[in-house]
């Protein structure tokens, strides 16, 4: 059963795959992976710890995703800046798999709801070098409770970024989910499984006087072939009924573009933000030959008013379903009255 956006070839070989999920409307709208957004948004810490910066200070955020089947996942976080000591943030990423009944071989319900939840408690910080360089680290404690099958793990994210605001350029490299299981699943095979390590690189640019920032992101760079191994997809039938093997160049192009995500964000007077993206891997994994689909594309809109920002992103999924991600961000510092000196 497909319950969350995933990557079949890689996801099936690892555990704690909820770590791959988007943590906010903005990241969802930019293709589920984005490491080149550096501004006030505190949720980007989970994408790239080097994105932590003073503009995020005292920003608190909560995100939740609604998906068919009562599956719910999301993220809550808070960031605080400490001047020359750096910027630090912490949060909780979670997923609840909804109502899953336990049945016998005849389909009779034994229990109506099996408790299945996973959580990632994380914290991290970044330090700036000069005017444009930053490096960051996230540490993660992971717990998974799947109806008695329990497991715990530790992981870290390492990120470095160049943020050249004078030219509107951001470039980042991030190593995600370095670590593994502390304990394998209780009552399981007893074997420790890999977690979804992901090497990512990204570049974004905003031209002076133009209200759009363009993003280019590469993911899973540690592995070239991330395609699902489907023997039927490797051949085609010609008009004469002959079997034609897909060319090596076409296969190589397919493999390359599956690593690529293209996105853009339109800012209207820094009040309304409209995001759009195309994720080729999602397109290839979700599209169905018998149905027209806009799988792989995502769109989102956010509105910033005074101390509050709200946003929603929509991602088409298989079988005519849609994933909706909502985010509420509050600048808690804006509600604190500054003390005035009295004579």
C-alpha atoms as a PDB file:
ATOM      1  CA  UNK A   1       0.000   0.000   0.000  1.00  0.00           C
ATOM      2  CA  UNK A   2       1.425   3.367  -1.043  1.00  0.00           C
ATOM      3  CA  UNK A   3       0.786   5.811   1.749  1.00  0.00           C
ATOM      4  CA  UNK A   4       3.295   8.620   1.333  1.00  0.00           C
ATOM      5  CA  UNK A   5       5.408  10.086  -1.444  1.00  0.00           C
ATOM      6  CA  UNK A   6       8.288   7.665  -1.832  1.00  0.00           C
ATOM      7  CA  UNK A   7      10.988   6.473  -4.171  1.00  0.00           C
ATOM      8  CA  UNK A   8      10.338   2.808  -4.819  1.00  0.00           C
ATOM      9  CA  UNK A   9      13.744   1.509  -5.832  1.00  0.00           C
ATOM     10  CA  UNK A  10      15.561   3.231  -2.963  1.00  0.00           C
ATOM     11  CA  UNK A  11      12.793   3.388  -0.393  1.00  0.00           C
ATOM     12  CA  UNK A  12      12.226  -0.367  -0.397  1.00  0.00           C
ATOM     13  CA  UNK A  13      15.833  -0.991   0.647  1.00  0.00           C
ATOM     14  CA  UNK A  14      15.843   1.285   3.702  1.00  0.00           C
ATOM     15  CA  UNK A  15      13.920   1.942   6.892  1.00  0.00           C
ATOM     16  CA  UNK A  16      12.770   5.222   8.526  1.00  0.00           C
ATOM     17  CA  UNK A  17      11.735   6.395   5.051  1.00  0.00           C
ATOM     18  CA  UNK A  18       9.473   9.074   6.516  1.00  0.00           C
ATOM     19  CA  UNK A  19      12.715  11.085   6.835  1.00  0.00           C
ATOM     20  CA  UNK A  20      12.399  11.708   3.091  1.00  0.00           C
ATOM     21  CA  UNK A  21       9.069  13.504   3.469  1.00  0.00           C
ATOM     22  CA  UNK A  22       8.638  17.212   2.940  1.00  0.00           C
ATOM     23  CA  UNK A  23       8.393  19.295   6.107  1.00  0.00           C
ATOM     24  CA  UNK A  24       6.467  22.350   4.851  1.00  0.00           C
ATOM     25  CA  UNK A  25       4.205  23.718   2.131  1.00  0.00           C
ATOM     26  CA  UNK A  26       7.134  25.520   0.550  1.00  0.00           C
ATOM     27  CA  UNK A  27       9.362  22.466   0.244  1.00  0.00           C
ATOM     28  CA  UNK A  28       6.421  20.432  -1.099  1.00  0.00           C
ATOM     29  CA  UNK A  29       5.664  23.070  -3.724  1.00  0.00           C
ATOM     30  CA  UNK A  30       9.341  23.133  -4.753  1.00  0.00           C
ATOM     31  CA  UNK A  31       9.417  19.405  -5.507  1.00  0.00           C
ATOM     32  CA  UNK A  32       9.718  17.842  -2.001  1.00  0.00           C
ATOM     33  CA  UNK A  33      13.468  18.531  -1.913  1.00  0.00           C
ATOM     34  CA  UNK A  34      14.928  22.034  -1.799  1.00  0.00           C
ATOM     35  CA  UNK A  35      18.201  23.147  -0.190  1.00  0.00           C
ATOM     36  CA  UNK A  36      18.613  26.646  -1.679  1.00  0.00           C
ATOM     37  CA  UNK A  37      15.992  28.664   0.214  1.00  0.00           C
ATOM     38  CA  UNK A  38      17.659  30.882   2.805  1.00  0.00           C
ATOM     39  CA  UNK A  39      15.395  33.490   4.408  1.00  0.00           C
ATOM     40  CA  UNK A  40      12.978  33.794   7.352  1.00  0.00           C
ATOM     41  CA  UNK A  41      11.460  30.285   6.907  1.00  0.00           C
ATOM     42  CA  UNK A  42      12.497  28.098   9.905  1.00  0.00           C
ATOM     43  CA  UNK A  43      11.310  24.857   8.281  1.00  0.00           C
ATOM     44  CA  UNK A  44      14.244  24.869   5.860  1.00  0.00           C
ATOM     45  CA  UNK A  45      16.504  23.692   8.711  1.00  0.00           C
ATOM     46  CA  UNK A  46      15.351  20.138   8.070  1.00  0.00           C
ATOM     47  CA  UNK A  47      16.265  20.475   4.393  1.00  0.00           C
ATOM     48  CA  UNK A  48      19.610  22.168   4.954  1.00  0.00           C
ATOM     49  CA  UNK A  49      21.003  23.012   8.401  1.00  0.00           C
ATOM     50  CA  UNK A  50      23.275  25.619   6.811  1.00  0.00           C
ATOM     51  CA  UNK A  51      20.156  27.630   5.940  1.00  0.00           C
ATOM     52  CA  UNK A  52      19.723  28.612   9.603  1.00  0.00           C
ATOM     53  CA  UNK A  53      20.231  32.383   9.793  1.00  0.00           C
ATOM     54  CA  UNK A  54      19.290  35.413  11.944  1.00  0.00           C
ATOM     55  CA  UNK A  55      16.141  36.169   9.903  1.00  0.00           C
ATOM     56  CA  UNK A  56      14.625  32.962  11.342  1.00  0.00           C
ATOM     57  CA  UNK A  57      15.135  34.019  14.956  1.00  0.00           C
ATOM     58  CA  UNK A  58      12.048  33.473  17.141  1.00  0.00           C
ATOM     59  CA  UNK A  59      10.142  31.968  14.232  1.00  0.00           C
ATOM     60  CA  UNK A  60       7.918  28.995  15.145  1.00  0.00           C
ATOM     61  CA  UNK A  61       6.243  26.806  12.562  1.00  0.00           C
ATOM     62  CA  UNK A  62       3.824  23.890  12.328  1.00  0.00           C
ATOM     63  CA  UNK A  63       3.069  21.858   9.192  1.00  0.00           C
ATOM     64  CA  UNK A  64       0.670  19.018   8.553  1.00  0.00           C
ATOM     65  CA  UNK A  65      -0.108  16.957   5.462  1.00  0.00           C
ATOM     66  CA  UNK A  66      -3.477  15.442   4.623  1.00  0.00           C
ATOM     67  CA  UNK A  67      -3.420  12.269   2.573  1.00  0.00           C
ATOM     68  CA  UNK A  68      -6.105   9.686   1.679  1.00  0.00           C
ATOM     69  CA  UNK A  69      -6.333   6.779   4.118  1.00  0.00           C
ATOM     70  CA  UNK A  70      -6.147   8.953   7.244  1.00  0.00           C
ATOM     71  CA  UNK A  71      -2.357   9.148   6.984  1.00  0.00           C
ATOM     72  CA  UNK A  72      -1.019  12.304   8.587  1.00  0.00           C
ATOM     73  CA  UNK A  73       2.516  13.615   8.800  1.00  0.00           C
ATOM     74  CA  UNK A  74       4.087  16.937   9.625  1.00  0.00           C
ATOM     75  CA  UNK A  75       6.692  19.001  11.393  1.00  0.00           C
ATOM     76  CA  UNK A  76       6.917  21.508  14.253  1.00  0.00           C
ATOM     77  CA  UNK A  77      10.012  23.651  14.801  1.00  0.00           C
ATOM     78  CA  UNK A  78      11.490  26.758  16.415  1.00  0.00           C
ATOM     79  CA  UNK A  79      14.659  28.777  15.694  1.00  0.00           C
ATOM     80  CA  UNK A  80      16.678  31.194  17.841  1.00  0.00           C
ATOM     81  CA  UNK A  81      19.674  33.307  16.830  1.00  0.00           C
ATOM     82  CA  UNK A  82      22.557  33.908  19.254  1.00  0.00           C
ATOM     83  CA  UNK A  83      24.550  36.469  17.308  1.00  0.00           C
ATOM     84  CA  UNK A  84      28.206  35.582  16.862  1.00  0.00           C
ATOM     85  CA  UNK A  85      27.575  32.182  18.483  1.00  0.00           C
ATOM     86  CA  UNK A  86      25.384  31.072  15.568  1.00  0.00           C
ATOM     87  CA  UNK A  87      21.751  30.248  14.862  1.00  0.00           C
ATOM     88  CA  UNK A  88      20.117  27.162  16.368  1.00  0.00           C
ATOM     89  CA  UNK A  89      16.846  25.348  15.832  1.00  0.00           C
ATOM     90  CA  UNK A  90      14.963  22.318  17.050  1.00  0.00           C
ATOM     91  CA  UNK A  91      11.850  20.438  16.043  1.00  0.00           C
ATOM     92  CA  UNK A  92       9.817  17.266  15.731  1.00  0.00           C
ATOM     93  CA  UNK A  93       8.981  15.486  12.497  1.00  0.00           C
ATOM     94  CA  UNK A  94       6.259  12.829  12.721  1.00  0.00           C
ATOM     95  CA  UNK A  95       4.008  10.469  10.798  1.00  0.00           C
ATOM     96  CA  UNK A  96       0.868   8.612  11.846  1.00  0.00           C
ATOM     97  CA  UNK A  97      -0.206   5.843   9.498  1.00  0.00           C
ATOM     98  CA  UNK A  98      -3.909   6.105  10.287  1.00  0.00           C
ATOM     99  CA  UNK A  99      -6.394   3.354  11.029  1.00  0.00           C
ATOM    100  CA  UNK A 100      -4.870   0.032   9.959  1.00  0.00           C
ATOM    101  CA  UNK A 101      -7.027  -3.011  10.834  1.00  0.00           C
ATOM    102  CA  UNK A 102      -5.546  -6.378  11.757  1.00  0.00           C
ATOM    103  CA  UNK A 103      -7.271  -9.263   9.975  1.00  0.00           C
ATOM    104  CA  UNK A 104      -6.920 -13.029   9.748  1.00  0.00           C
ATOM    105  CA  UNK A 105      -6.440 -14.971   6.515  1.00  0.00           C
ATOM    106  CA  UNK A 106     -10.193 -14.825   5.847  1.00  0.00           C
ATOM    107  CA  UNK A 107     -10.410 -11.070   6.211  1.00  0.00           C
ATOM    108  CA  UNK A 108     -12.071 -11.076   9.618  1.00  0.00           C
ATOM    109  CA  UNK A 109     -11.073  -8.014  11.656  1.00  0.00           C
ATOM    110  CA  UNK A 110      -9.193  -8.930  14.806  1.00  0.00           C
ATOM    111  CA  UNK A 111      -8.313  -5.372  15.827  1.00  0.00           C
ATOM    112  CA  UNK A 112      -9.719  -2.235  14.257  1.00  0.00           C
ATOM    113  CA  UNK A 113      -6.689  -0.028  14.698  1.00  0.00           C
ATOM    114  CA  UNK A 114      -3.019  -1.002  14.883  1.00  0.00           C
ATOM    115  CA  UNK A 115      -0.887   1.806  16.381  1.00  0.00           C
ATOM    116  CA  UNK A 116       1.759   2.757  13.824  1.00  0.00           C
ATOM    117  CA  UNK A 117       3.790   5.933  14.346  1.00  0.00           C
ATOM    118  CA  UNK A 118       7.281   7.249  13.665  1.00  0.00           C
ATOM    119  CA  UNK A 119       9.014  10.372  14.952  1.00  0.00           C
ATOM    120  CA  UNK A 120      12.237  12.309  14.389  1.00  0.00           C
ATOM    121  CA  UNK A 121      13.337  14.662  17.182  1.00  0.00           C
ATOM    122  CA  UNK A 122      16.035  16.938  15.808  1.00  0.00           C
ATOM    123  CA  UNK A 123      18.173  19.898  16.739  1.00  0.00           C
ATOM    124  CA  UNK A 124      20.984  21.718  15.053  1.00  0.00           C
ATOM    125  CA  UNK A 125      22.797  24.908  14.303  1.00  0.00           C
ATOM    126  CA  UNK A 126      24.719  26.854  11.731  1.00  0.00           C
ATOM    127  CA  UNK A 127      27.735  29.122  11.818  1.00  0.00           C
ATOM    128  CA  UNK A 128      28.525  31.829   9.287  1.00  0.00           C
ATOM    129  CA  UNK A 129      31.989  32.421   7.852  1.00  0.00           C
ATOM    130  CA  UNK A 130      32.379  35.896   6.443  1.00  0.00           C
ATOM    131  CA  UNK A 131      29.472  37.406   4.556  1.00  0.00           C
ATOM    132  CA  UNK A 132      28.373  34.572   2.269  1.00  0.00           C
ATOM    133  CA  UNK A 133      29.543  31.199   3.651  1.00  0.00           C
ATOM    134  CA  UNK A 134      27.721  29.030   6.213  1.00  0.00           C
ATOM    135  CA  UNK A 135      27.971  25.476   7.529  1.00  0.00           C
ATOM    136  CA  UNK A 136      25.374  23.611   9.543  1.00  0.00           C
ATOM    137  CA  UNK A 137      24.650  20.367  11.368  1.00  0.00           C
ATOM    138  CA  UNK A 138      21.454  18.585  12.416  1.00  0.00           C
ATOM    139  CA  UNK A 139      21.378  15.715  14.921  1.00  0.00           C
ATOM    140  CA  UNK A 140      18.365  13.373  14.873  1.00  0.00           C
ATOM    141  CA  UNK A 141      16.932  10.831  17.283  1.00  0.00           C
ATOM    142  CA  UNK A 142      14.509   8.549  15.460  1.00  0.00           C
ATOM    143  CA  UNK A 143      11.820   6.298  16.879  1.00  0.00           C
ATOM    144  CA  UNK A 144       9.531   3.876  15.062  1.00  0.00           C
ATOM    145  CA  UNK A 145       6.615   2.036  16.673  1.00  0.00           C
ATOM    146  CA  UNK A 146       4.740  -0.274  14.309  1.00  0.00           C
ATOM    147  CA  UNK A 147       2.364  -2.315  16.486  1.00  0.00           C
ATOM    148  CA  UNK A 148       5.049  -3.825  18.674  1.00  0.00           C
ATOM    149  CA  UNK A 149       7.762  -3.785  16.029  1.00  0.00           C
ATOM    150  CA  UNK A 150       9.922  -1.046  17.518  1.00  0.00           C
ATOM    151  CA  UNK A 151      13.218   0.460  16.419  1.00  0.00           C
ATOM    152  CA  UNK A 152      15.406   3.448  17.299  1.00  0.00           C
ATOM    153  CA  UNK A 153      18.122   5.245  15.388  1.00  0.00           C
ATOM    154  CA  UNK A 154      20.506   8.180  15.235  1.00  0.00           C
ATOM    155  CA  UNK A 155      21.328  10.306  12.203  1.00  0.00           C
ATOM    156  CA  UNK A 156      22.894  13.613  11.212  1.00  0.00           C
ATOM    157  CA  UNK A 157      22.665  16.106   8.352  1.00  0.00           C
ATOM    158  CA  UNK A 158      25.666  18.146   7.210  1.00  0.00           C
ATOM    159  CA  UNK A 159      25.253  21.180   4.992  1.00  0.00           C
ATOM    160  CA  UNK A 160      27.317  23.984   3.499  1.00  0.00           C
ATOM    161  CA  UNK A 161      25.929  26.996   1.648  1.00  0.00           C
ATOM    162  CA  UNK A 162      27.029  30.069  -0.250  1.00  0.00           C
ATOM    163  CA  UNK A 163      24.484  32.885  -0.016  1.00  0.00           C
ATOM    164  CA  UNK A 164      25.560  35.795  -2.207  1.00  0.00           C
ATOM    165  CA  UNK A 165      22.710  38.245  -1.630  1.00  0.00           C
ATOM    166  CA  UNK A 166      24.307  40.972  -3.770  1.00  0.00           C
ATOM    167  CA  UNK A 167      24.012  38.748  -6.849  1.00  0.00           C
ATOM    168  CA  UNK A 168      20.936  36.759  -5.784  1.00  0.00           C
ATOM    169  CA  UNK A 169      22.801  33.435  -5.844  1.00  0.00           C
ATOM    170  CA  UNK A 170      22.533  30.512  -3.426  1.00  0.00           C
ATOM    171  CA  UNK A 171      24.485  27.250  -3.788  1.00  0.00           C
ATOM    172  CA  UNK A 172      24.350  24.358  -1.326  1.00  0.00           C
ATOM    173  CA  UNK A 173      25.594  20.822  -0.756  1.00  0.00           C
ATOM    174  CA  UNK A 174      23.908  18.637   1.868  1.00  0.00           C
ATOM    175  CA  UNK A 175      24.517  15.101   3.119  1.00  0.00           C
ATOM    176  CA  UNK A 176      21.235  13.871   4.610  1.00  0.00           C
ATOM    177  CA  UNK A 177      20.641  11.085   7.123  1.00  0.00           C
ATOM    178  CA  UNK A 178      24.169   9.977   7.948  1.00  0.00           C
ATOM    179  CA  UNK A 179      23.702   7.237  10.547  1.00  0.00           C
ATOM    180  CA  UNK A 180      21.691   4.107  11.159  1.00  0.00           C
ATOM    181  CA  UNK A 181      19.596   2.024  13.537  1.00  0.00           C
ATOM    182  CA  UNK A 182      20.620   1.804  17.173  1.00  0.00           C
ATOM    183  CA  UNK A 183      18.336  -1.171  17.637  1.00  0.00           C
ATOM    184  CA  UNK A 184      16.701  -3.284  14.907  1.00  0.00           C
ATOM    185  CA  UNK A 185      12.959  -3.829  14.980  1.00  0.00           C
ATOM    186  CA  UNK A 186      11.896  -5.844  18.010  1.00  0.00           C
ATOM    187  CA  UNK A 187      10.245  -9.123  16.939  1.00  0.00           C
ATOM    188  CA  UNK A 188      11.616  -8.503  13.433  1.00  0.00           C
ATOM    189  CA  UNK A 189      14.491 -10.180  11.598  1.00  0.00           C
ATOM    190  CA  UNK A 190      17.015  -8.838  14.093  1.00  0.00           C
ATOM    191  CA  UNK A 191      19.114  -7.379  11.268  1.00  0.00           C
ATOM    192  CA  UNK A 192      19.981  -3.689  11.236  1.00  0.00           C
ATOM    193  CA  UNK A 193      18.717  -1.929   8.108  1.00  0.00           C
ATOM    194  CA  UNK A 194      20.061   1.089   6.268  1.00  0.00           C
ATOM    195  CA  UNK A 195      18.400   4.479   6.566  1.00  0.00           C
ATOM    196  CA  UNK A 196      17.761   6.735   3.526  1.00  0.00           C
ATOM    197  CA  UNK A 197      21.086   8.528   3.060  1.00  0.00           C
ATOM    198  CA  UNK A 198      20.851  11.213   0.380  1.00  0.00           C
ATOM    199  CA  UNK A 199      23.609  13.366  -1.104  1.00  0.00           C
ATOM    200  CA  UNK A 200      22.126  16.561  -2.529  1.00  0.00           C
ATOM    201  CA  UNK A 201      23.320  19.661  -4.373  1.00  0.00           C
ATOM    202  CA  UNK A 202      21.402  22.736  -5.390  1.00  0.00           C
ATOM    203  CA  UNK A 203      21.646  26.130  -7.034  1.00  0.00           C
ATOM    204  CA  UNK A 204      19.196  29.022  -7.135  1.00  0.00           C
ATOM    205  CA  UNK A 205      19.260  32.488  -8.615  1.00  0.00           C
ATOM    206  CA  UNK A 206      17.118  35.601  -8.457  1.00  0.00           C
ATOM    207  CA  UNK A 207      17.872  38.318 -10.996  1.00  0.00           C
ATOM    208  CA  UNK A 208      17.880  41.891  -9.766  1.00  0.00           C
ATOM    209  CA  UNK A 209      14.541  43.594 -10.342  1.00  0.00           C
ATOM    210  CA  UNK A 210      12.837  40.291 -11.267  1.00  0.00           C
ATOM    211  CA  UNK A 211      10.438  38.810  -8.658  1.00  0.00           C
ATOM    212  CA  UNK A 212      11.171  35.127  -9.351  1.00  0.00           C
ATOM    213  CA  UNK A 213      13.808  32.868  -7.814  1.00  0.00           C
ATOM    214  CA  UNK A 214      14.692  29.799  -9.896  1.00  0.00           C
ATOM    215  CA  UNK A 215      15.822  26.570  -8.209  1.00  0.00           C
ATOM    216  CA  UNK A 216      17.739  23.585  -9.579  1.00  0.00           C
ATOM    217  CA  UNK A 217      18.183  20.627  -7.220  1.00  0.00           C
ATOM    218  CA  UNK A 218      19.980  17.296  -7.604  1.00  0.00           C
ATOM    219  CA  UNK A 219      19.250  14.436  -5.211  1.00  0.00           C
ATOM    220  CA  UNK A 220      20.525  10.892  -4.576  1.00  0.00           C
ATOM    221  CA  UNK A 221      23.902  11.779  -6.054  1.00  0.00           C
ATOM    222  CA  UNK A 222      25.495   8.853  -4.194  1.00  0.00           C
ATOM    223  CA  UNK A 223      23.709   6.482  -6.559  1.00  0.00           C
ATOM    224  CA  UNK A 224      23.426   6.837 -10.324  1.00  0.00           C
ATOM    225  CA  UNK A 225      20.647   4.351 -11.104  1.00  0.00           C
ATOM    226  CA  UNK A 226      17.551   5.112  -9.022  1.00  0.00           C
ATOM    227  CA  UNK A 227      15.071   3.745 -11.525  1.00  0.00           C
ATOM    228  CA  UNK A 228      12.620   1.027 -10.625  1.00  0.00           C
ATOM    229  CA  UNK A 229      13.856  -2.175 -12.262  1.00  0.00           C
ATOM    230  CA  UNK A 230      10.896  -3.054 -14.466  1.00  0.00           C
ATOM    231  CA  UNK A 231      11.900  -5.490 -17.247  1.00  0.00           C
ATOM    232  CA  UNK A 232       8.726  -4.637 -19.172  1.00  0.00           C
ATOM    233  CA  UNK A 233       9.780  -1.002 -19.394  1.00  0.00           C
ATOM    234  CA  UNK A 234      13.072  -1.879 -21.070  1.00  0.00           C
ATOM    235  CA  UNK A 235      11.470  -3.034 -24.318  1.00  0.00           C
ATOM    236  CA  UNK A 236       8.960  -1.699 -26.811  1.00  0.00           C
ATOM    237  CA  UNK A 237       6.923  -3.388 -29.523  1.00  0.00           C
ATOM    238  CA  UNK A 238       7.411  -2.053 -33.049  1.00  0.00           C
ATOM    239  CA  UNK A 239       4.695  -1.825 -35.687  1.00  0.00           C
ATOM    240  CA  UNK A 240       5.939  -5.137 -37.109  1.00  0.00           C
ATOM    241  CA  UNK A 241       5.609  -6.858 -33.745  1.00  0.00           C
ATOM    242  CA  UNK A 242       9.328  -6.984 -33.140  1.00  0.00           C
ATOM    243  CA  UNK A 243      10.816  -6.357 -29.704  1.00  0.00           C
ATOM    244  CA  UNK A 244      12.986  -3.236 -29.569  1.00  0.00           C
ATOM    245  CA  UNK A 245      15.307  -2.617 -26.653  1.00  0.00           C
ATOM    246  CA  UNK A 246      15.435   0.903 -25.226  1.00  0.00           C
ATOM    247  CA  UNK A 247      18.667   2.602 -26.332  1.00  0.00           C
ATOM    248  CA  UNK A 248      21.459   3.155 -23.842  1.00  0.00           C
ATOM    249  CA  UNK A 249      21.400   6.910 -24.466  1.00  0.00           C
ATOM    250  CA  UNK A 250      17.675   7.103 -23.706  1.00  0.00           C
ATOM    251  CA  UNK A 251      18.163   5.061 -20.529  1.00  0.00           C
ATOM    252  CA  UNK A 252      21.079   7.270 -19.465  1.00  0.00           C
ATOM    253  CA  UNK A 253      19.007  10.425 -20.049  1.00  0.00           C
ATOM    254  CA  UNK A 254      16.172   8.947 -18.010  1.00  0.00           C
ATOM    255  CA  UNK A 255      18.558   8.098 -15.174  1.00  0.00           C
ATOM    256  CA  UNK A 256      20.011  11.620 -15.188  1.00  0.00           C
ATOM    257  CA  UNK A 257      16.716  13.510 -15.140  1.00  0.00           C
ATOM    258  CA  UNK A 258      15.377  11.382 -12.285  1.00  0.00           C
ATOM    259  CA  UNK A 259      17.956  13.142 -10.104  1.00  0.00           C
ATOM    260  CA  UNK A 260      16.713  16.604 -11.136  1.00  0.00           C
ATOM    261  CA  UNK A 261      14.070  18.876  -9.628  1.00  0.00           C
ATOM    262  CA  UNK A 262      13.256  22.244 -11.214  1.00  0.00           C
ATOM    263  CA  UNK A 263      11.350  24.889  -9.259  1.00  0.00           C
ATOM    264  CA  UNK A 264      10.503  28.576  -9.133  1.00  0.00           C
ATOM    265  CA  UNK A 265       9.077  30.968  -6.565  1.00  0.00           C
ATOM    266  CA  UNK A 266       7.266  34.178  -7.472  1.00  0.00           C
ATOM    267  CA  UNK A 267       7.258  36.842  -4.753  1.00  0.00           C
ATOM    268  CA  UNK A 268       4.568  39.518  -5.012  1.00  0.00           C
ATOM    269  CA  UNK A 269       5.737  42.430  -2.842  1.00  0.00           C
ATOM    270  CA  UNK A 270       6.997  39.879  -0.283  1.00  0.00           C
ATOM    271  CA  UNK A 271       3.386  39.300   0.768  1.00  0.00           C
ATOM    272  CA  UNK A 272       2.191  36.581  -1.604  1.00  0.00           C
ATOM    273  CA  UNK A 273       4.437  33.709  -2.667  1.00  0.00           C
ATOM    274  CA  UNK A 274       3.566  31.324  -5.501  1.00  0.00           C
ATOM    275  CA  UNK A 275       5.743  28.233  -5.958  1.00  0.00           C
ATOM    276  CA  UNK A 276       5.840  25.719  -8.805  1.00  0.00           C
ATOM    277  CA  UNK A 277       8.030  22.691  -9.528  1.00  0.00           C
ATOM    278  CA  UNK A 278       8.633  19.582 -11.578  1.00  0.00           C
ATOM    279  CA  UNK A 279      10.139  16.409 -10.048  1.00  0.00           C
ATOM    280  CA  UNK A 280      11.009  13.941 -12.792  1.00  0.00           C
ATOM    281  CA  UNK A 281      11.443  10.944 -10.507  1.00  0.00           C
ATOM    282  CA  UNK A 282       7.968  11.422  -9.081  1.00  0.00           C
ATOM    283  CA  UNK A 283       6.631  11.789 -12.616  1.00  0.00           C
ATOM    284  CA  UNK A 284       8.160   8.507 -13.735  1.00  0.00           C
ATOM    285  CA  UNK A 285       7.112   6.640 -10.586  1.00  0.00           C
ATOM    286  CA  UNK A 286       3.532   7.959 -10.344  1.00  0.00           C
ATOM    287  CA  UNK A 287       2.407   8.247 -13.960  1.00  0.00           C
ATOM    288  CA  UNK A 288       0.085   5.542 -15.308  1.00  0.00           C
ATOM    289  CA  UNK A 289       0.081   4.471 -18.947  1.00  0.00           C
ATOM    290  CA  UNK A 290      -3.710   4.166 -19.041  1.00  0.00           C
ATOM    291  CA  UNK A 291      -4.479   7.591 -17.536  1.00  0.00           C
ATOM    292  CA  UNK A 292      -3.571  11.186 -18.195  1.00  0.00           C
ATOM    293  CA  UNK A 293      -1.825  12.728 -15.250  1.00  0.00           C
ATOM    294  CA  UNK A 294       0.086  15.796 -14.058  1.00  0.00           C
ATOM    295  CA  UNK A 295       2.108  13.650 -11.672  1.00  0.00           C
ATOM    296  CA  UNK A 296       5.505  15.148 -10.922  1.00  0.00           C
ATOM    297  CA  UNK A 297       4.238  18.713 -10.833  1.00  0.00           C
ATOM    298  CA  UNK A 298       3.459  20.622  -7.643  1.00  0.00           C
ATOM    299  CA  UNK A 299       2.127  24.064  -6.839  1.00  0.00           C
ATOM    300  CA  UNK A 300       1.749  26.121  -3.679  1.00  0.00           C
ATOM    301  CA  UNK A 301       0.781  29.541  -2.407  1.00  0.00           C
ATOM    302  CA  UNK A 302       1.740  31.363   0.780  1.00  0.00           C
ATOM    303  CA  UNK A 303       0.614  34.653   2.304  1.00  0.00           C
ATOM    304  CA  UNK A 304       2.643  36.724   4.766  1.00  0.00           C
ATOM    305  CA  UNK A 305       0.751  39.269   6.888  1.00  0.00           C
ATOM    306  CA  UNK A 306       2.552  41.036   9.731  1.00  0.00           C
ATOM    307  CA  UNK A 307       3.813  38.302  12.088  1.00  0.00           C
ATOM    308  CA  UNK A 308       2.032  35.339  10.458  1.00  0.00           C
ATOM    309  CA  UNK A 309       2.637  33.327   7.308  1.00  0.00           C
ATOM    310  CA  UNK A 310       0.258  30.635   6.047  1.00  0.00           C
ATOM    311  CA  UNK A 311       0.752  28.407   3.028  1.00  0.00           C
ATOM    312  CA  UNK A 312      -0.642  25.382   1.236  1.00  0.00           C
ATOM    313  CA  UNK A 313       0.868  23.112  -1.416  1.00  0.00           C
ATOM    314  CA  UNK A 314      -0.831  20.542  -3.643  1.00  0.00           C
ATOM    315  CA  UNK A 315       0.956  17.529  -5.111  1.00  0.00           C
ATOM    316  CA  UNK A 316      -0.887  15.173  -7.511  1.00  0.00           C
ATOM    317  CA  UNK A 317      -0.592  11.526  -6.520  1.00  0.00           C
ATOM    318  CA  UNK A 318      -1.542   8.194  -8.159  1.00  0.00           C
ATOM    319  CA  UNK A 319      -5.173   7.126  -8.625  1.00  0.00           C
ATOM    320  CA  UNK A 320      -6.492  10.691  -8.898  1.00  0.00           C
ATOM    321  CA  UNK A 321      -5.578  11.566  -5.309  1.00  0.00           C
ATOM    322  CA  UNK A 322      -3.882  14.743  -4.128  1.00  0.00           C
ATOM    323  CA  UNK A 323      -1.531  15.421  -1.250  1.00  0.00           C
ATOM    324  CA  UNK A 324      -2.164  18.716   0.569  1.00  0.00           C
ATOM    325  CA  UNK A 325       0.444  20.248   2.868  1.00  0.00           C
ATOM    326  CA  UNK A 326      -0.439  23.170   5.175  1.00  0.00           C
ATOM    327  CA  UNK A 327       2.022  25.343   7.120  1.00  0.00           C
ATOM    328  CA  UNK A 328       1.550  28.050   9.739  1.00  0.00           C
ATOM    329  CA  UNK A 329       4.577  30.144  10.723  1.00  0.00           C
ATOM    330  CA  UNK A 330       4.522  32.743  13.494  1.00  0.00           C
ATOM    331  CA  UNK A 331       7.165  35.325  14.335  1.00  0.00           C
ATOM    332  CA  UNK A 332       6.911  35.093  18.120  1.00  0.00           C
ATOM    333  CA  UNK A 333       9.397  37.933  18.503  1.00  0.00           C
ATOM    334  CA  UNK A 334       6.909  40.293  16.918  1.00  0.00           C
ATOM    335  CA  UNK A 335       4.523  39.831  19.843  1.00  0.00           C
ATOM    336  CA  UNK A 336       7.122  40.790  22.445  1.00  0.00           C
ATOM    337  CA  UNK A 337       6.914  44.453  23.358  1.00  0.00           C
ATOM    338  CA  UNK A 338      10.248  46.155  23.673  1.00  0.00           C
ATOM    339  CA  UNK A 339      10.909  47.723  27.048  1.00  0.00           C
ATOM    340  CA  UNK A 340      11.174  51.504  26.987  1.00  0.00           C
ATOM    341  CA  UNK A 341      13.425  53.459  29.274  1.00  0.00           C
ATOM    342  CA  UNK A 342      11.719  55.562  31.904  1.00  0.00           C
ATOM    343  CA  UNK A 343      13.180  58.735  33.338  1.00  0.00           C
END
